[in-house]
Amino acid sequence: MPIMKVNGLEALVGRRNPGVGAVLLYGSDPSAIHDLARRLVAKIVDGDNDPLAIAYLDEQSLAGDPGRLIDEVQSLSLLGGNRVVWVRGAEQNFLRAVEPVLDGSTVGNLIVAEAGNLAKTSALRTRFEASSYAAIVPLYEASEGDAMEALQDNFRSLGLKIADAAAMRLVELVGKNLTLLRREAEKLAAYCHTQATVERADVEAVCGDSMEAELDELLDVVFGGQVEEADRSFFQAISAGTDAGRILSAIQSHAQRLIDLQLTAERGMKVEQAIRSARPPIFFKRQPALLSQIRAWRTDGLLLAASTLATAIERARLEPGLAMGLAHRTLLGIAQTARKAQRN
């Protein structure tokens, strides 16, 4: 079957076409792959955590017992209703086991399989593409246009519209991870349930602080001049699936917060009081770190950092392939500047 798009696949599974026995999801975005698999499974069995309706398999379990896949495909539910076979980490063992489904000789419960980033020459990918009894969907990191389109679709399904400025700001804060965007859309829909359209101010109110809060440790080591810790925390955030553009936006927001606090202090308020009275409030355990940062940085240095970050964000938007390198280099540069400021 030809390669499909996500919307087409979800519609296909929703109708439960009996001519499709297996679905393969692959690509470079594991969180998006897993999220789509979860949604597909939930469509079939009305939930994604029912051990009586879902058979969980992986590449290792199929290595020792390849016939188990077909057993699960042909197994009936003990309580009636639909069953589904959910396979994680599909590779060669899965390919060997799934052949009777791909050639149409075995029918039964739908297989939803998650794989990694498959090359065009991959045997698993080419076999699924050639089968009339299978569907295949690639999931790669979304472009900004894809993210904006997905947001519009998300809000439409939730009975709302989102203004272009609000959508752009949400992508800046969250990044282009479609799973995270969907979750934030659901939060915004609950917040804006009495409105027809989600505006930028709504995004700032609901998502701005929460996005920065998830990266508190990284922000504090960057502006605290802990270069080695900044390097470690950056790659830890990337490994957890955090978008590099989102990291840049969070660092820029933190720089602006430090600027605002410094300006408040320069107008006559003590720095400690400015931090305690900040709106939105600063968690008390973080207040000493921000106090140290404000005392180490000059306002002109923070303004330069904010300008550098704005340039990096714009370039990352235009050249997504450079985003991770830009974010890494920019935050290490800021951390090194902070270290020098503390020594001085």
Foldseek 3Di string as FASTA:
>chain_A
DAADALVVVLVCLLVPDQLAAEEEEEEAQQVLLVVSLQVSQCSFQVGRDDVQQEAEEELVVLVVPLQVVLVQQADARPVHGHHEYEYEADADSPVVSCVCQQAPVGTGHHYYYYHYHDDPPGPSVVSQNPGSRHYYYYDYQDALVRQLVLLQVLVVVLQAGEDPVLSVVLCLQQPRPSVSSSVVSVVLCVVQVVDRYHYNVSCCVRPVVVSLVVLVVLLLLLLQLVLVVNLVSLVVCVVVPGQLSNLLSSNLVVLVVLLVLLVVVVVPDPSLVSQCPDPVHDPPVCSVSSVSSSVLDDNVLSVVLSVLSVVLSVVCSVPVVCSSVSSSVSSSVSSNVSNVSVVD
